Amino acid sequence: MRNLQIEEKLFNIENSISKLSIAVKTILSQEEAAEFLGYKPSYLYKLTADKKIKFFKPLGKLNYFRKQDLEDFLLQNPSEPISQIEQESNNWKK
């Protein structure tokens, strides 16, 4: 194996371990929360500064997030499928 292939495999292993550690935790740091959400840390910082996402600051310096709160944030503003909207419209007309 070439060094590049070995480095690539090690990188993939490190990413997998990082994702597994986030999967088992219930409280996440700012960096972990950004990775969990798929956002850049700077965007997550903007969300916290604008108070658009729930976070905790136990000692007044570092931000922490409950994974459940992050999941709730992701599931805001659902979009209903057109079939359900049509069905509700038909039920309302009756």
C-alpha atoms as a PDB file:
ATOM      1  CA  MET A   1       0.000   0.000   0.000  1.00  0.00           C
ATOM      2  CA  ARG A   2       1.167   3.478  -0.738  1.00  0.00           C
ATOM      3  CA  ASN A   3       1.435   6.116   1.964  1.00  0.00           C
ATOM      4  CA  LEU A   4      -1.416   8.094   0.421  1.00  0.00           C
ATOM      5  CA  GLN A   5      -3.744   5.105   0.630  1.00  0.00           C
ATOM      6  CA  ILE A   6      -2.753   4.451   4.234  1.00  0.00           C
ATOM      7  CA  GLU A   7      -3.314   8.098   5.168  1.00  0.00           C
ATOM      8  CA  GLU A   8      -6.725   8.041   3.477  1.00  0.00           C
ATOM      9  CA  LYS A   9      -7.754   4.915   5.361  1.00  0.00           C
ATOM     10  CA  LEU A  10      -6.573   6.393   8.663  1.00  0.00           C
ATOM     11  CA  PHE A  11      -8.531   9.574   7.941  1.00  0.00           C
ATOM     12  CA  ASN A  12     -11.664   7.514   7.259  1.00  0.00           C
ATOM     13  CA  ILE A  13     -11.172   5.560  10.491  1.00  0.00           C
ATOM     14  CA  GLU A  14     -10.744   8.785  12.489  1.00  0.00           C
ATOM     15  CA  ASN A  15     -13.943  10.199  10.971  1.00  0.00           C
ATOM     16  CA  SER A  16     -15.853   7.030  11.803  1.00  0.00           C
ATOM     17  CA  ILE A  17     -14.657   7.088  15.409  1.00  0.00           C
ATOM     18  CA  SER A  18     -15.598  10.760  15.705  1.00  0.00           C
ATOM     19  CA  LYS A  19     -19.105  10.085  14.389  1.00  0.00           C
ATOM     20  CA  LEU A  20     -19.532   7.125  16.752  1.00  0.00           C
ATOM     21  CA  SER A  21     -18.512   9.201  19.757  1.00  0.00           C
ATOM     22  CA  ILE A  22     -21.088  11.846  18.831  1.00  0.00           C
ATOM     23  CA  ALA A  23     -23.737   9.156  18.353  1.00  0.00           C
ATOM     24  CA  VAL A  24     -23.467   7.921  21.943  1.00  0.00           C
ATOM     25  CA  LYS A  25     -23.239  11.323  23.656  1.00  0.00           C
ATOM     26  CA  THR A  26     -26.292  13.270  24.822  1.00  0.00           C
ATOM     27  CA  ILE A  27     -24.475  16.557  25.478  1.00  0.00           C
ATOM     28  CA  LEU A  28     -22.364  18.010  22.673  1.00  0.00           C
ATOM     29  CA  SER A  29     -19.775  20.757  22.490  1.00  0.00           C
ATOM     30  CA  GLN A  30     -20.023  23.584  19.943  1.00  0.00           C
ATOM     31  CA  GLU A  31     -17.770  21.713  17.485  1.00  0.00           C
ATOM     32  CA  GLU A  32     -19.587  18.395  17.950  1.00  0.00           C
ATOM     33  CA  ALA A  33     -22.974  20.077  17.563  1.00  0.00           C
ATOM     34  CA  ALA A  34     -21.877  21.758  14.326  1.00  0.00           C
ATOM     35  CA  GLU A  35     -20.701  18.408  12.976  1.00  0.00           C
ATOM     36  CA  PHE A  36     -23.929  16.703  14.092  1.00  0.00           C
ATOM     37  CA  LEU A  37     -26.042  19.361  12.338  1.00  0.00           C
ATOM     38  CA  GLY A  38     -23.830  19.459   9.269  1.00  0.00           C
ATOM     39  CA  TYR A  39     -23.232  23.201   9.732  1.00  0.00           C
ATOM     40  CA  LYS A  40     -20.027  25.170   9.865  1.00  0.00           C
ATOM     41  CA  PRO A  41     -19.112  26.185  13.433  1.00  0.00           C
ATOM     42  CA  SER A  42     -19.411  29.851  12.436  1.00  0.00           C
ATOM     43  CA  TYR A  43     -23.033  29.340  11.361  1.00  0.00           C
ATOM     44  CA  LEU A  44     -23.857  27.544  14.603  1.00  0.00           C
ATOM     45  CA  TYR A  45     -22.277  30.464  16.469  1.00  0.00           C
ATOM     46  CA  LYS A  46     -24.569  32.834  14.536  1.00  0.00           C
ATOM     47  CA  LEU A  47     -27.605  30.728  15.500  1.00  0.00           C
ATOM     48  CA  THR A  48     -26.635  30.873  19.169  1.00  0.00           C
ATOM     49  CA  ALA A  49     -25.896  34.613  19.035  1.00  0.00           C
ATOM     50  CA  ASP A  50     -29.333  35.198  17.467  1.00  0.00           C
ATOM     51  CA  LYS A  51     -30.911  32.854  20.074  1.00  0.00           C
ATOM     52  CA  LYS A  52     -32.420  30.700  17.306  1.00  0.00           C
ATOM     53  CA  ILE A  53     -31.195  27.445  18.793  1.00  0.00           C
ATOM     54  CA  LYS A  54     -31.266  26.255  22.400  1.00  0.00           C
ATOM     55  CA  PHE A  55     -27.895  26.006  24.126  1.00  0.00           C
ATOM     56  CA  PHE A  56     -26.395  25.982  27.601  1.00  0.00           C
ATOM     57  CA  LYS A  57     -23.497  28.004  28.998  1.00  0.00           C
ATOM     58  CA  PRO A  58     -22.793  26.454  32.412  1.00  0.00           C
ATOM     59  CA  LEU A  59     -19.733  28.559  33.285  1.00  0.00           C
ATOM     60  CA  GLY A  60     -20.520  31.487  31.048  1.00  0.00           C
ATOM     61  CA  LYS A  61     -17.908  30.688  28.430  1.00  0.00           C
ATOM     62  CA  LEU A  62     -18.391  27.468  26.445  1.00  0.00           C
ATOM     63  CA  ASN A  63     -21.630  26.501  24.680  1.00  0.00           C
ATOM     64  CA  TYR A  64     -23.120  23.032  25.064  1.00  0.00           C
ATOM     65  CA  PHE A  65     -26.116  21.476  23.346  1.00  0.00           C
ATOM     66  CA  ARG A  66     -28.474  18.613  24.127  1.00  0.00           C
ATOM     67  CA  LYS A  67     -28.698  16.289  21.180  1.00  0.00           C
ATOM     68  CA  GLN A  68     -32.498  16.135  21.554  1.00  0.00           C
ATOM     69  CA  ASP A  69     -32.707  19.941  21.253  1.00  0.00           C
ATOM     70  CA  LEU A  70     -30.627  19.790  18.063  1.00  0.00           C
ATOM     71  CA  GLU A  71     -32.917  17.117  16.617  1.00  0.00           C
ATOM     72  CA  ASP A  72     -35.964  19.213  17.528  1.00  0.00           C
ATOM     73  CA  PHE A  73     -34.355  22.205  15.827  1.00  0.00           C
ATOM     74  CA  LEU A  74     -33.816  20.177  12.642  1.00  0.00           C
ATOM     75  CA  LEU A  75     -37.422  19.000  12.633  1.00  0.00           C
ATOM     76  CA  GLN A  76     -38.964  22.499  12.750  1.00  0.00           C
ATOM     77  CA  ASN A  77     -41.283  23.772  10.018  1.00  0.00           C
ATOM     78  CA  PRO A  78     -42.272  20.485   8.377  1.00  0.00           C
ATOM     79  CA  SER A  79     -43.501  20.512   4.822  1.00  0.00           C
ATOM     80  CA  GLU A  80     -46.659  18.502   4.225  1.00  0.00           C
ATOM     81  CA  PRO A  81     -46.871  16.355   1.082  1.00  0.00           C
ATOM     82  CA  ILE A  82     -49.288  17.667  -1.549  1.00  0.00           C
ATOM     83  CA  SER A  83     -51.423  14.513  -1.235  1.00  0.00           C
ATOM     84  CA  GLN A  84     -52.085  15.246   2.436  1.00  0.00           C
ATOM     85  CA  ILE A  85     -52.902  18.888   1.699  1.00  0.00           C
ATOM     86  CA  GLU A  86     -55.357  17.823  -1.044  1.00  0.00           C
ATOM     87  CA  GLN A  87     -56.961  15.279   1.283  1.00  0.00           C
ATOM     88  CA  GLU A  88     -57.408  17.872   4.046  1.00  0.00           C
ATOM     89  CA  SER A  89     -58.820  20.299   1.495  1.00  0.00           C
ATOM     90  CA  ASN A  90     -61.334  17.705   0.290  1.00  0.00           C
ATOM     91  CA  ASN A  91     -62.338  16.888   3.865  1.00  0.00           C
ATOM     92  CA  TRP A  92     -62.849  20.579   4.615  1.00  0.00           C
ATOM     93  CA  LYS A  93     -65.135  21.071   1.561  1.00  0.00           C
ATOM     94  CA  LYS A  94     -67.507  18.325   2.743  1.00  0.00           C
END
